[in-house]
């Protein structure tokens, strides 16, 4: 891959990960007193996949 394409892909993935962590933070605030954290686990997995893609670029 060309460096420019890698940088663009990295930028896109990190932006998506940042947005997902913001959603996760909002979800945590809403579920802080509840036992049901399925949605939070799902978002967490999405974040982990995004970061795996970032690591795969290098």
Protein backbone atom coordinates (compact mmCIF):
# COMPACT_ATOMS: atom_id res chain seq x y z
CA UNK A 1 0.00 0.00 0.00
CA UNK A 2 1.14 3.50 -0.67
CA UNK A 3 1.88 5.66 2.37
CA UNK A 4 -0.85 8.15 1.46
CA UNK A 5 -3.45 5.39 1.29
CA UNK A 6 -2.27 3.93 4.59
CA UNK A 7 -2.46 7.33 6.26
CA UNK A 8 -5.94 7.95 4.85
CA UNK A 9 -7.14 4.53 6.01
CA UNK A 10 -5.57 5.05 9.42
CA UNK A 11 -7.29 8.42 9.71
CA UNK A 12 -10.65 6.89 8.77
CA UNK A 13 -10.29 3.98 11.20
CA UNK A 14 -9.16 6.14 14.10
CA UNK A 15 -12.03 8.56 13.47
CA UNK A 16 -14.50 5.66 13.53
CA UNK A 17 -12.91 4.29 16.69
CA UNK A 18 -13.11 7.70 18.31
CA UNK A 19 -16.79 8.03 17.47
CA UNK A 20 -17.47 4.52 18.77
CA UNK A 21 -15.73 5.22 22.06
CA UNK A 22 -17.88 8.32 22.45
CA UNK A 23 -21.00 6.21 21.92
CA UNK A 24 -19.65 3.64 24.36
CA UNK A 25 -19.08 6.35 26.95
CA UNK A 26 -22.66 7.58 26.52
CA UNK A 27 -23.95 4.01 26.84
CA UNK A 28 -21.93 3.46 29.99
CA UNK A 29 -23.43 6.57 31.54
CA UNK A 30 -26.93 5.31 30.77
CA UNK A 31 -26.29 1.77 32.03
CA UNK A 32 -24.09 2.53 34.98
CA UNK A 33 -26.68 1.28 37.48
CA UNK A 34 -28.00 -1.60 35.34
CA UNK A 35 -26.74 -5.15 35.08
CA UNK A 36 -27.54 -5.47 31.37
CA UNK A 37 -24.43 -4.45 29.49
CA UNK A 38 -24.94 -6.34 26.22
CA UNK A 39 -24.93 -3.18 24.13
CA UNK A 40 -21.72 -2.06 25.78
CA UNK A 41 -20.05 -5.39 25.07
CA UNK A 42 -21.15 -5.17 21.45
CA UNK A 43 -19.70 -1.68 21.05
CA UNK A 44 -16.53 -2.78 22.77
CA UNK A 45 -16.09 -5.58 20.24
CA UNK A 46 -16.56 -3.15 17.34
CA UNK A 47 -13.86 -0.92 18.81
CA UNK A 48 -11.49 -3.84 19.16
CA UNK A 49 -12.06 -4.80 15.50
CA UNK A 50 -11.29 -1.25 14.38
CA UNK A 51 -8.05 -1.23 16.30
CA UNK A 52 -7.10 -4.63 14.86
CA UNK A 53 -7.53 -3.10 11.39
CA UNK A 54 -5.28 -0.22 12.41
CA UNK A 55 -2.59 -2.60 13.63
CA UNK A 56 -2.86 -4.62 10.42
CA UNK A 57 -1.89 -1.56 8.40
CA UNK A 58 1.59 -1.62 9.88
